[in-house]
PDB file of N, CA and C in Angstrom:
ATOM      1  N   UNK A   1      57.595  56.095 -19.247  1.00  0.00           N
ATOM      2  CA  UNK A   1      56.304  56.490 -18.704  1.00  0.00           C
ATOM      3  C   UNK A   1      55.921  55.518 -17.599  1.00  0.00           C
ATOM      4  N   UNK A   2      55.366  56.009 -16.530  1.00  0.00           N
ATOM      5  CA  UNK A   2      55.000  55.177 -15.391  1.00  0.00           C
ATOM      6  C   UNK A   2      53.528  54.783 -15.511  1.00  0.00           C
ATOM      7  N   UNK A   3      53.286  53.679 -16.206  1.00  0.00           N
ATOM      8  CA  UNK A   3      51.917  53.245 -16.467  1.00  0.00           C
ATOM      9  C   UNK A   3      51.174  52.886 -15.192  1.00  0.00           C
ATOM     10  N   UNK A   4      51.880  52.407 -14.187  1.00  0.00           N
ATOM     11  CA  UNK A   4      51.222  52.030 -12.935  1.00  0.00           C
ATOM     12  C   UNK A   4      50.543  53.224 -12.270  1.00  0.00           C
ATOM     13  N   UNK A   5      51.014  54.421 -12.559  1.00  0.00           N
ATOM     14  CA  UNK A   5      50.487  55.628 -11.927  1.00  0.00           C
ATOM     15  C   UNK A   5      49.322  56.243 -12.698  1.00  0.00           C
ATOM     16  N   UNK A   6      49.006  55.712 -13.856  1.00  0.00           N
ATOM     17  CA  UNK A   6      47.972  56.302 -14.700  1.00  0.00           C
ATOM     18  C   UNK A   6      46.571  56.037 -14.127  1.00  0.00           C
ATOM     19  N   UNK A   7      45.658  57.003 -14.251  1.00  0.00           N
ATOM     20  CA  UNK A   7      44.299  56.821 -13.731  1.00  0.00           C
ATOM     21  C   UNK A   7      43.444  55.909 -14.607  1.00  0.00           C
ATOM     22  N   UNK A   8      43.860  55.696 -15.856  1.00  0.00           N
ATOM     23  CA  UNK A   8      43.142  54.819 -16.777  1.00  0.00           C
ATOM     24  C   UNK A   8      44.004  53.610 -17.102  1.00  0.00           C
ATOM     25  N   UNK A   9      43.338  52.519 -17.469  1.00  0.00           N
ATOM     26  CA  UNK A   9      44.067  51.308 -17.816  1.00  0.00           C
ATOM     27  C   UNK A   9      44.797  51.496 -19.146  1.00  0.00           C
ATOM     28  N   UNK A  10      46.066  51.115 -19.161  1.00  0.00           N
ATOM     29  CA  UNK A  10      46.899  51.133 -20.365  1.00  0.00           C
ATOM     30  C   UNK A  10      47.332  49.702 -20.652  1.00  0.00           C
ATOM     31  N   UNK A  11      47.149  49.253 -21.876  1.00  0.00           N
ATOM     32  CA  UNK A  11      47.542  47.903 -22.276  1.00  0.00           C
ATOM     33  C   UNK A  11      48.745  48.034 -23.198  1.00  0.00           C
ATOM     34  N   UNK A  12      49.862  47.430 -22.806  1.00  0.00           N
ATOM     35  CA  UNK A  12      51.144  47.589 -23.485  1.00  0.00           C
ATOM     36  C   UNK A  12      51.604  46.241 -24.033  1.00  0.00           C
ATOM     37  N   UNK A  13      52.218  46.273 -25.218  1.00  0.00           N
ATOM     38  CA  UNK A  13      52.821  45.076 -25.803  1.00  0.00           C
ATOM     39  C   UNK A  13      54.306  45.328 -26.033  1.00  0.00           C
ATOM     40  N   UNK A  14      55.124  44.425 -25.533  1.00  0.00           N
ATOM     41  CA  UNK A  14      56.574  44.475 -25.722  1.00  0.00           C
ATOM     42  C   UNK A  14      56.916  43.359 -26.703  1.00  0.00           C
ATOM     43  N   UNK A  15      57.526  43.711 -27.824  1.00  0.00           N
ATOM     44  CA  UNK A  15      57.916  42.695 -28.810  1.00  0.00           C
ATOM     45  C   UNK A  15      59.396  42.374 -28.637  1.00  0.00           C
ATOM     46  N   UNK A  16      59.723  41.108 -28.861  1.00  0.00           N
ATOM     47  CA  UNK A  16      61.084  40.619 -28.643  1.00  0.00           C
ATOM     48  C   UNK A  16      61.569  39.827 -29.853  1.00  0.00           C
ATOM     49  N   UNK A  17      62.878  39.880 -30.094  1.00  0.00           N
ATOM     50  CA  UNK A  17      63.459  39.070 -31.163  1.00  0.00           C
ATOM     51  C   UNK A  17      63.811  37.686 -30.613  1.00  0.00           C
ATOM     52  N   UNK A  18      64.433  36.858 -31.435  1.00  0.00           N
ATOM     53  CA  UNK A  18      64.773  35.495 -31.034  1.00  0.00           C
ATOM     54  C   UNK A  18      65.738  35.421 -29.869  1.00  0.00           C
ATOM     55  N   UNK A  19      66.541  36.466 -29.668  1.00  0.00           N
ATOM     56  CA  UNK A  19      67.467  36.521 -28.539  1.00  0.00           C
ATOM     57  C   UNK A  19      66.836  37.115 -27.291  1.00  0.00           C
ATOM     58  N   UNK A  20      65.517  37.334 -27.347  1.00  0.00           N
ATOM     59  CA  UNK A  20      64.732  37.924 -26.244  1.00  0.00           C
ATOM     60  C   UNK A  20      65.150  39.362 -25.943  1.00  0.00           C
ATOM     61  N   UNK A  21      65.646  40.048 -26.985  1.00  0.00           N
ATOM     62  CA  UNK A  21      65.950  41.475 -26.871  1.00  0.00           C
ATOM     63  C   UNK A  21      64.716  42.262 -27.300  1.00  0.00           C
ATOM     64  N   UNK A  22      64.490  43.393 -26.640  1.00  0.00           N
ATOM     65  CA  UNK A  22      63.308  44.208 -26.927  1.00  0.00           C
ATOM     66  C   UNK A  22      63.424  44.860 -28.295  1.00  0.00           C
ATOM     67  N   UNK A  23      62.395  44.668 -29.105  1.00  0.00           N
ATOM     68  CA  UNK A  23      62.288  45.355 -30.390  1.00  0.00           C
ATOM     69  C   UNK A  23      61.524  46.661 -30.226  1.00  0.00           C
ATOM     70  N   UNK A  24      60.403  46.600 -29.501  1.00  0.00           N
ATOM     71  CA  UNK A  24      59.610  47.806 -29.275  1.00  0.00           C
ATOM     72  C   UNK A  24      58.711  47.629 -28.062  1.00  0.00           C
ATOM     73  N   UNK A  25      58.290  48.777 -27.535  1.00  0.00           N
ATOM     74  CA  UNK A  25      57.309  48.831 -26.456  1.00  0.00           C
ATOM     75  C   UNK A  25      56.252  49.815 -26.924  1.00  0.00           C
ATOM     76  N   UNK A  26      55.012  49.352 -27.023  1.00  0.00           N
ATOM     77  CA  UNK A  26      53.970  50.261 -27.505  1.00  0.00           C
ATOM     78  C   UNK A  26      52.675  50.068 -26.727  1.00  0.00           C
ATOM     79  N   UNK A  27      51.974  51.179 -26.534  1.00  0.00           N
ATOM     80  CA  UNK A  27      50.652  51.136 -25.930  1.00  0.00           C
ATOM     81  C   UNK A  27      49.681  50.688 -27.016  1.00  0.00           C
ATOM     82  N   UNK A  28      48.985  49.594 -26.762  1.00  0.00           N
ATOM     83  CA  UNK A  28      48.004  49.075 -27.716  1.00  0.00           C
ATOM     84  C   UNK A  28      46.695  49.832 -27.587  1.00  0.00           C
ATOM     85  N   UNK A  29      46.282  50.070 -26.351  1.00  0.00           N
ATOM     86  CA  UNK A  29      45.079  50.867 -26.150  1.00  0.00           C
ATOM     87  C   UNK A  29      45.064  51.436 -24.733  1.00  0.00           C
ATOM     88  N   UNK A  30      44.267  52.467 -24.585  1.00  0.00           N
ATOM     89  CA  UNK A  30      44.046  53.099 -23.296  1.00  0.00           C
ATOM     90  C   UNK A  30      42.571  53.007 -23.004  1.00  0.00           C
ATOM     91  N   UNK A  31      42.238  52.535 -21.826  1.00  0.00           N
ATOM     92  CA  UNK A  31      40.838  52.370 -21.458  1.00  0.00           C
ATOM     93  C   UNK A  31      40.280  53.590 -20.776  1.00  0.00           C
ATOM     94  N   UNK A  32      38.999  53.521 -20.570  1.00  0.00           N
ATOM     95  CA  UNK A  32      38.346  54.558 -19.785  1.00  0.00           C
ATOM     96  C   UNK A  32      38.117  53.971 -18.403  1.00  0.00           C
ATOM     97  N   UNK A  33      38.700  54.585 -17.419  1.00  0.00           N
ATOM     98  CA  UNK A  33      38.592  54.057 -16.065  1.00  0.00           C
ATOM     99  C   UNK A  33      39.413  52.803 -15.902  1.00  0.00           C
ATOM    100  N   UNK A  34      38.759  51.706 -15.525  1.00  0.00           N
ATOM    101  CA  UNK A  34      39.476  50.484 -15.208  1.00  0.00           C
ATOM    102  C   UNK A  34      39.319  49.399 -16.275  1.00  0.00           C
ATOM    103  N   UNK A  35      39.048  49.774 -17.514  1.00  0.00           N
ATOM    104  CA  UNK A  35      38.833  48.758 -18.535  1.00  0.00           C
ATOM    105  C   UNK A  35      39.356  49.244 -19.883  1.00  0.00           C
ATOM    106  N   UNK A  36      40.051  48.352 -20.573  1.00  0.00           N
ATOM    107  CA  UNK A  36      40.531  48.633 -21.928  1.00  0.00           C
ATOM    108  C   UNK A  36      40.068  47.485 -22.825  1.00  0.00           C
ATOM    109  N   UNK A  37      39.613  47.813 -24.014  1.00  0.00           N
ATOM    110  CA  UNK A  37      39.149  46.804 -24.966  1.00  0.00           C
ATOM    111  C   UNK A  37      40.328  46.404 -25.852  1.00  0.00           C
ATOM    112  N   UNK A  38      40.666  45.118 -25.824  1.00  0.00           N
ATOM    113  CA  UNK A  38      41.821  44.604 -26.540  1.00  0.00           C
ATOM    114  C   UNK A  38      41.365  43.872 -27.800  1.00  0.00           C
ATOM    115  N   UNK A  39      41.964  44.209 -28.923  1.00  0.00           N
ATOM    116  CA  UNK A  39      41.703  43.507 -30.174  1.00  0.00           C
ATOM    117  C   UNK A  39      42.989  42.796 -30.590  1.00  0.00           C
ATOM    118  N   UNK A  40      42.946  41.473 -30.726  1.00  0.00           N
ATOM    119  CA  UNK A  40      44.162  40.722 -31.059  1.00  0.00           C
ATOM    120  C   UNK A  40      44.890  41.261 -32.297  1.00  0.00           C
ATOM    121  N   UNK A  41      44.175  41.695 -33.311  1.00  0.00           N
ATOM    122  CA  UNK A  41      44.850  42.176 -34.524  1.00  0.00           C
ATOM    123  C   UNK A  41      45.742  43.381 -34.231  1.00  0.00           C
ATOM    124  N   UNK A  42      45.350  44.210 -33.242  1.00  0.00           N
ATOM    125  CA  UNK A  42      46.161  45.374 -32.890  1.00  0.00           C
ATOM    126  C   UNK A  42      47.450  44.967 -32.187  1.00  0.00           C
ATOM    127  N   UNK A  43      47.411  43.869 -31.469  1.00  0.00           N
ATOM    128  CA  UNK A  43      48.602  43.373 -30.793  1.00  0.00           C
ATOM    129  C   UNK A  43      49.555  42.724 -31.781  1.00  0.00           C
ATOM    130  N   UNK A  44      49.021  41.881 -32.640  1.00  0.00           N
ATOM    131  CA  UNK A  44      49.881  41.060 -33.487  1.00  0.00           C
ATOM    132  C   UNK A  44      50.288  41.719 -34.802  1.00  0.00           C
ATOM    133  N   UNK A  45      49.606  42.771 -35.218  1.00  0.00           N
ATOM    134  CA  UNK A  45      49.954  43.456 -36.472  1.00  0.00           C
ATOM    135  C   UNK A  45      51.407  43.922 -36.458  1.00  0.00           C
ATOM    136  N   UNK A  46      51.788  44.667 -35.438  1.00  0.00           N
ATOM    137  CA  UNK A  46      53.155  45.183 -35.359  1.00  0.00           C
ATOM    138  C   UNK A  46      54.157  44.076 -35.055  1.00  0.00           C
ATOM    139  N   UNK A  47      53.757  43.114 -34.232  1.00  0.00           N
ATOM    140  CA  UNK A  47      54.658  42.000 -33.916  1.00  0.00           C
ATOM    141  C   UNK A  47      55.026  41.231 -35.183  1.00  0.00           C
ATOM    142  N   UNK A  48      54.057  41.047 -36.057  1.00  0.00           N
ATOM    143  CA  UNK A  48      54.319  40.350 -37.328  1.00  0.00           C
ATOM    144  C   UNK A  48      55.220  41.205 -38.213  1.00  0.00           C
ATOM    145  N   UNK A  49      54.933  42.497 -38.320  1.00  0.00           N
ATOM    146  CA  UNK A  49      55.757  43.401 -39.139  1.00  0.00           C
ATOM    147  C   UNK A  49      57.210  43.403 -38.673  1.00  0.00           C
ATOM    148  N   UNK A  50      57.409  43.294 -37.356  1.00  0.00           N
ATOM    149  CA  UNK A  50      58.761  43.325 -36.783  1.00  0.00           C
ATOM    150  C   UNK A  50      59.433  41.952 -36.773  1.00  0.00           C
ATOM    151  N   UNK A  51      58.719  40.938 -37.239  1.00  0.00           N
ATOM    152  CA  UNK A  51      59.227  39.554 -37.207  1.00  0.00           C
ATOM    153  C   UNK A  51      59.582  39.146 -35.785  1.00  0.00           C
ATOM    154  N   UNK A  52      58.764  39.581 -34.836  1.00  0.00           N
ATOM    155  CA  UNK A  52      59.000  39.259 -33.427  1.00  0.00           C
ATOM    156  C   UNK A  52      58.828  37.762 -33.198  1.00  0.00           C
ATOM    157  N   UNK A  53      59.654  37.214 -32.344  1.00  0.00           N
ATOM    158  CA  UNK A  53      59.492  35.799 -32.000  1.00  0.00           C
ATOM    159  C   UNK A  53      58.733  35.651 -30.692  1.00  0.00           C
ATOM    160  N   UNK A  54      58.616  36.736 -29.929  1.00  0.00           N
ATOM    161  CA  UNK A  54      57.897  36.673 -28.670  1.00  0.00           C
ATOM    162  C   UNK A  54      57.326  38.021 -28.283  1.00  0.00           C
ATOM    163  N   UNK A  55      56.339  37.979 -27.403  1.00  0.00           N
ATOM    164  CA  UNK A  55      55.760  39.203 -26.856  1.00  0.00           C
ATOM    165  C   UNK A  55      55.553  39.032 -25.357  1.00  0.00           C
ATOM    166  N   UNK A  56      55.559  40.161 -24.675  1.00  0.00           N
ATOM    167  CA  UNK A  56      55.160  40.240 -23.277  1.00  0.00           C
ATOM    168  C   UNK A  56      54.060  41.294 -23.224  1.00  0.00           C
ATOM    169  N   UNK A  57      52.971  40.956 -22.576  1.00  0.00           N
ATOM    170  CA  UNK A  57      51.863  41.887 -22.417  1.00  0.00           C
ATOM    171  C   UNK A  57      51.894  42.464 -21.018  1.00  0.00           C
ATOM    172  N   UNK A  58      51.442  43.685 -20.888  1.00  0.00           N
ATOM    173  CA  UNK A  58      51.418  44.336 -19.584  1.00  0.00           C
ATOM    174  C   UNK A  58      50.259  45.319 -19.560  1.00  0.00           C
ATOM    175  N   UNK A  59      49.564  45.366 -18.447  1.00  0.00           N
ATOM    176  CA  UNK A  59      48.583  46.433 -18.255  1.00  0.00           C
ATOM    177  C   UNK A  59      48.496  46.792 -16.786  1.00  0.00           C
ATOM    178  N   UNK A  60      48.032  47.991 -16.551  1.00  0.00           N
ATOM    179  CA  UNK A  60      47.908  48.476 -15.185  1.00  0.00           C
ATOM    180  C   UNK A  60      46.481  48.296 -14.685  1.00  0.00           C
ATOM    181  N   UNK A  61      46.360  48.170 -13.375  1.00  0.00           N
ATOM    182  CA  UNK A  61      45.067  48.172 -12.701  1.00  0.00           C
ATOM    183  C   UNK A  61      45.021  49.424 -11.832  1.00  0.00           C
ATOM    184  N   UNK A  62      44.366  50.480 -12.311  1.00  0.00           N
ATOM    185  CA  UNK A  62      44.340  51.736 -11.557  1.00  0.00           C
ATOM    186  C   UNK A  62      43.743  51.609 -10.157  1.00  0.00           C
ATOM    187  N   UNK A  63      42.880  50.626  -9.947  1.00  0.00           N
ATOM    188  CA  UNK A  63      42.245  50.455  -8.643  1.00  0.00           C
ATOM    189  C   UNK A  63      43.166  49.924  -7.571  1.00  0.00           C
ATOM    190  N   UNK A  64      44.344  49.403  -7.944  1.00  0.00           N
ATOM    191  CA  UNK A  64      45.322  48.971  -6.970  1.00  0.00           C
ATOM    192  C   UNK A  64      45.391  47.474  -6.709  1.00  0.00           C
ATOM    193  N   UNK A  65      44.419  46.694  -7.188  1.00  0.00           N
ATOM    194  CA  UNK A  65      44.443  45.245  -7.009  1.00  0.00           C
ATOM    195  C   UNK A  65      45.174  44.620  -8.190  1.00  0.00           C
ATOM    196  N   UNK A  66      46.305  43.962  -7.935  1.00  0.00           N
ATOM    197  CA  UNK A  66      47.104  43.435  -9.043  1.00  0.00           C
ATOM    198  C   UNK A  66      46.647  42.061  -9.526  1.00  0.00           C
ATOM    199  N   UNK A  67      45.697  41.427  -8.858  1.00  0.00           N
ATOM    200  CA  UNK A  67      45.280  40.091  -9.278  1.00  0.00           C
ATOM    201  C   UNK A  67      44.401  40.156 -10.522  1.00  0.00           C
ATOM    202  N   UNK A  68      44.553  39.172 -11.433  1.00  0.00           N
ATOM    203  CA  UNK A  68      43.795  39.201 -12.679  1.00  0.00           C
ATOM    204  C   UNK A  68      42.308  38.952 -12.458  1.00  0.00           C
ATOM    205  N   UNK A  69      41.513  39.667 -13.230  1.00  0.00           N
ATOM    206  CA  UNK A  69      40.071  39.429 -13.233  1.00  0.00           C
ATOM    207  C   UNK A  69      39.778  38.227 -14.131  1.00  0.00           C
ATOM    208  N   UNK A  70      38.545  37.767 -14.109  1.00  0.00           N
ATOM    209  CA  UNK A  70      38.139  36.683 -15.021  1.00  0.00           C
ATOM    210  C   UNK A  70      38.342  37.114 -16.472  1.00  0.00           C
ATOM    211  N   UNK A  71      38.038  38.375 -16.772  1.00  0.00           N
ATOM    212  CA  UNK A  71      38.241  38.889 -18.137  1.00  0.00           C
ATOM    213  C   UNK A  71      39.722  38.924 -18.495  1.00  0.00           C
ATOM    214  N   UNK A  72      40.584  39.278 -17.540  1.00  0.00           N
ATOM    215  CA  UNK A  72      42.032  39.273 -17.794  1.00  0.00           C
ATOM    216  C   UNK A  72      42.496  37.866 -18.173  1.00  0.00           C
ATOM    217  N   UNK A  73      42.023  36.869 -17.441  1.00  0.00           N
ATOM    218  CA  UNK A  73      42.425  35.487 -17.704  1.00  0.00           C
ATOM    219  C   UNK A  73      41.872  35.019 -19.052  1.00  0.00           C
ATOM    220  N   UNK A  74      40.622  35.330 -19.318  1.00  0.00           N
ATOM    221  CA  UNK A  74      39.988  34.946 -20.591  1.00  0.00           C
ATOM    222  C   UNK A  74      40.718  35.580 -21.776  1.00  0.00           C
ATOM    223  N   UNK A  75      41.004  36.871 -21.664  1.00  0.00           N
ATOM    224  CA  UNK A  75      41.700  37.588 -22.741  1.00  0.00           C
ATOM    225  C   UNK A  75      43.106  37.037 -22.939  1.00  0.00           C
ATOM    226  N   UNK A  76      43.799  36.752 -21.853  1.00  0.00           N
ATOM    227  CA  UNK A  76      45.157  36.214 -21.951  1.00  0.00           C
ATOM    228  C   UNK A  76      45.151  34.851 -22.643  1.00  0.00           C
ATOM    229  N   UNK A  77      44.197  34.004 -22.305  1.00  0.00           N
ATOM    230  CA  UNK A  77      44.098  32.696 -22.963  1.00  0.00           C
ATOM    231  C   UNK A  77      43.816  32.841 -24.452  1.00  0.00           C
ATOM    232  N   UNK A  78      42.932  33.759 -24.812  1.00  0.00           N
ATOM    233  CA  UNK A  78      42.637  34.023 -26.219  1.00  0.00           C
ATOM    234  C   UNK A  78      43.892  34.487 -26.952  1.00  0.00           C
ATOM    235  N   UNK A  79      44.622  35.416 -26.351  1.00  0.00           N
ATOM    236  CA  UNK A  79      45.831  35.944 -26.985  1.00  0.00           C
ATOM    237  C   UNK A  79      46.941  34.901 -27.040  1.00  0.00           C
ATOM    238  N   UNK A  80      47.020  34.047 -26.030  1.00  0.00           N
ATOM    239  CA  UNK A  80      48.006  32.963 -26.041  1.00  0.00           C
ATOM    240  C   UNK A  80      47.751  32.033 -27.230  1.00  0.00           C
ATOM    241  N   UNK A  81      46.488  31.667 -27.431  1.00  0.00           N
ATOM    242  CA  UNK A  81      46.138  30.781 -28.549  1.00  0.00           C
ATOM    243  C   UNK A  81      46.379  31.449 -29.893  1.00  0.00           C
ATOM    244  N   UNK A  82      46.058  32.731 -30.004  1.00  0.00           N
ATOM    245  CA  UNK A  82      46.311  33.465 -31.247  1.00  0.00           C
ATOM    246  C   UNK A  82      47.814  33.534 -31.531  1.00  0.00           C
ATOM    247  N   UNK A  83      48.595  33.788 -30.502  1.00  0.00           N
ATOM    248  CA  UNK A  83      50.052  33.853 -30.661  1.00  0.00           C
ATOM    249  C   UNK A  83      50.597  32.513 -31.141  1.00  0.00           C
ATOM    250  N   UNK A  84      50.088  31.426 -30.574  1.00  0.00           N
ATOM    251  CA  UNK A  84      50.556  30.089 -30.959  1.00  0.00           C
ATOM    252  C   UNK A  84      50.279  29.820 -32.442  1.00  0.00           C
ATOM    253  N   UNK A  85      49.120  30.226 -32.924  1.00  0.00           N
ATOM    254  CA  UNK A  85      48.778  30.044 -34.342  1.00  0.00           C
ATOM    255  C   UNK A  85      49.760  30.818 -35.222  1.00  0.00           C
ATOM    256  N   UNK A  86      50.169  31.993 -34.758  1.00  0.00           N
ATOM    257  CA  UNK A  86      51.073  32.851 -35.536  1.00  0.00           C
ATOM    258  C   UNK A  86      52.541  32.495 -35.366  1.00  0.00           C
ATOM    259  N   UNK A  87      52.846  31.575 -34.476  1.00  0.00           N
ATOM    260  CA  UNK A  87      54.240  31.206 -34.232  1.00  0.00           C
ATOM    261  C   UNK A  87      54.998  32.222 -33.402  1.00  0.00           C
ATOM    262  N   UNK A  88      54.271  32.976 -32.586  1.00  0.00           N
ATOM    263  CA  UNK A  88      54.866  33.980 -31.702  1.00  0.00           C
ATOM    264  C   UNK A  88      54.621  33.514 -30.271  1.00  0.00           C
ATOM    265  N   UNK A  89      55.663  33.503 -29.446  1.00  0.00           N
ATOM    266  CA  UNK A  89      55.513  33.070 -28.056  1.00  0.00           C
ATOM    267  C   UNK A  89      54.970  34.198 -27.196  1.00  0.00           C
ATOM    268  N   UNK A  90      53.884  33.938 -26.482  1.00  0.00           N
ATOM    269  CA  UNK A  90      53.413  34.860 -25.460  1.00  0.00           C
ATOM    270  C   UNK A  90      54.124  34.457 -24.170  1.00  0.00           C
ATOM    271  N   UNK A  91      55.131  35.228 -23.798  1.00  0.00           N
ATOM    272  CA  UNK A  91      56.025  34.867 -22.701  1.00  0.00           C
ATOM    273  C   UNK A  91      55.483  35.216 -21.324  1.00  0.00           C
ATOM    274  N   UNK A  92      54.698  36.272 -21.249  1.00  0.00           N
ATOM    275  CA  UNK A  92      54.123  36.650 -19.964  1.00  0.00           C
ATOM    276  C   UNK A  92      53.060  37.715 -20.179  1.00  0.00           C
ATOM    277  N   UNK A  93      52.201  37.845 -19.208  1.00  0.00           N
ATOM    278  CA  UNK A  93      51.256  38.952 -19.109  1.00  0.00           C
ATOM    279  C   UNK A  93      51.395  39.451 -17.683  1.00  0.00           C
ATOM    280  N   UNK A  94      51.782  40.700 -17.544  1.00  0.00           N
ATOM    281  CA  UNK A  94      52.073  41.273 -16.234  1.00  0.00           C
ATOM    282  C   UNK A  94      51.055  42.374 -15.942  1.00  0.00           C
ATOM    283  N   UNK A  95      50.469  42.299 -14.767  1.00  0.00           N
ATOM    284  CA  UNK A  95      49.550  43.342 -14.307  1.00  0.00           C
ATOM    285  C   UNK A  95      50.299  44.149 -13.254  1.00  0.00           C
ATOM    286  N   UNK A  96      50.288  45.466 -13.426  1.00  0.00           N
ATOM    287  CA  UNK A  96      51.021  46.334 -12.496  1.00  0.00           C
ATOM    288  C   UNK A  96      50.071  47.283 -11.773  1.00  0.00           C
ATOM    289  N   UNK A  97      50.452  47.605 -10.552  1.00  0.00           N
ATOM    290  CA  UNK A  97      49.769  48.632  -9.770  1.00  0.00           C
ATOM    291  C   UNK A  97      50.855  49.551  -9.193  1.00  0.00           C
ATOM    292  N   UNK A  98      50.448  50.536  -8.446  1.00  0.00           N
ATOM    293  CA  UNK A  98      51.419  51.455  -7.844  1.00  0.00           C
ATOM    294  C   UNK A  98      52.396  50.732  -6.930  1.00  0.00           C
ATOM    295  N   UNK A  99      51.939  49.652  -6.287  1.00  0.00           N
ATOM    296  CA  UNK A  99      52.756  49.013  -5.256  1.00  0.00           C
ATOM    297  C   UNK A  99      53.085  47.547  -5.495  1.00  0.00           C
ATOM    298  N   UNK A 100      52.592  46.960  -6.572  1.00  0.00           N
ATOM    299  CA  UNK A 100      52.767  45.524  -6.733  1.00  0.00           C
ATOM    300  C   UNK A 100      52.639  45.134  -8.202  1.00  0.00           C
ATOM    301  N   UNK A 101      52.843  43.858  -8.470  1.00  0.00           N
ATOM    302  CA  UNK A 101      52.641  43.327  -9.813  1.00  0.00           C
ATOM    303  C   UNK A 101      52.190  41.878  -9.719  1.00  0.00           C
ATOM    304  N   UNK A 102      51.626  41.390 -10.814  1.00  0.00           N
ATOM    305  CA  UNK A 102      51.217  39.988 -10.915  1.00  0.00           C
ATOM    306  C   UNK A 102      51.688  39.480 -12.269  1.00  0.00           C
ATOM    307  N   UNK A 103      52.448  38.411 -12.261  1.00  0.00           N
ATOM    308  CA  UNK A 103      52.958  37.795 -13.479  1.00  0.00           C
ATOM    309  C   UNK A 103      52.204  36.487 -13.720  1.00  0.00           C
ATOM    310  N   UNK A 104      51.592  36.364 -14.899  1.00  0.00           N
ATOM    311  CA  UNK A 104      50.913  35.121 -15.247  1.00  0.00           C
ATOM    312  C   UNK A 104      51.907  33.961 -15.291  1.00  0.00           C
ATOM    313  N   UNK A 105      53.114  34.208 -15.785  1.00  0.00           N
ATOM    314  CA  UNK A 105      54.120  33.150 -15.877  1.00  0.00           C
ATOM    315  C   UNK A 105      54.582  32.720 -14.491  1.00  0.00           C
ATOM    316  N   UNK A 106      54.911  33.659 -13.627  1.00  0.00           N
ATOM    317  CA  UNK A 106      55.361  33.325 -12.276  1.00  0.00           C
ATOM    318  C   UNK A 106      54.297  32.567 -11.486  1.00  0.00           C
ATOM    319  N   UNK A 107      53.035  32.799 -11.819  1.00  0.00           N
ATOM    320  CA  UNK A 107      51.939  32.139 -11.112  1.00  0.00           C
ATOM    321  C   UNK A 107      51.377  30.942 -11.881  1.00  0.00           C
ATOM    322  N   UNK A 108      52.127  30.482 -12.881  1.00  0.00           N
ATOM    323  CA  UNK A 108      51.762  29.288 -13.663  1.00  0.00           C
ATOM    324  C   UNK A 108      50.379  29.361 -14.285  1.00  0.00           C
ATOM    325  N   UNK A 109      49.979  30.546 -14.731  1.00  0.00           N
ATOM    326  CA  UNK A 109      48.698  30.714 -15.411  1.00  0.00           C
ATOM    327  C   UNK A 109      48.851  30.439 -16.905  1.00  0.00           C
ATOM    328  N   UNK A 110      50.003  30.774 -17.471  1.00  0.00           N
ATOM    329  CA  UNK A 110      50.265  30.518 -18.894  1.00  0.00           C
ATOM    330  C   UNK A 110      50.804  29.106 -19.075  1.00  0.00           C
ATOM    331  N   UNK A 111      50.435  28.438 -20.166  1.00  0.00           N
ATOM    332  CA  UNK A 111      51.108  27.169 -20.478  1.00  0.00           C
ATOM    333  C   UNK A 111      52.605  27.416 -20.653  1.00  0.00           C
ATOM    334  N   UNK A 112      53.422  26.401 -20.458  1.00  0.00           N
ATOM    335  CA  UNK A 112      54.874  26.591 -20.458  1.00  0.00           C
ATOM    336  C   UNK A 112      55.560  26.041 -21.714  1.00  0.00           C
ATOM    337  N   UNK A 113      54.827  25.844 -22.794  1.00  0.00           N
ATOM    338  CA  UNK A 113      55.443  25.281 -24.002  1.00  0.00           C
ATOM    339  C   UNK A 113      55.951  26.352 -24.951  1.00  0.00           C
ATOM    340  N   UNK A 114      56.358  27.503 -24.431  1.00  0.00           N
ATOM    341  CA  UNK A 114      56.927  28.579 -25.263  1.00  0.00           C
ATOM    342  C   UNK A 114      58.330  28.213 -25.600  1.00  0.00           C
TER     343      UNK A 114
END
């Protein structure tokens, strides 16, 4: 599915095993317009069930601007801390648009102690 092309925001979680192989890709929530409400328990419930060692988060910005909002940064920091408590590495959070992407890891927004 091409999430970048969707008119509403889709928040996706990719779970990975210890070898960084994909276990699953699932839509956590779909927003109305340009906003999706993220609940950490919805992200980590399946990751824990799958014994995932890492996750990558991804969501689209239907408006076309791939740079993170203040809420994107705040939410990512919250999820990073929750992941650390659970022993799951948050490896990246990627924002996608029709023409571009923004990686928190590539832009040194995430701590690097994964």
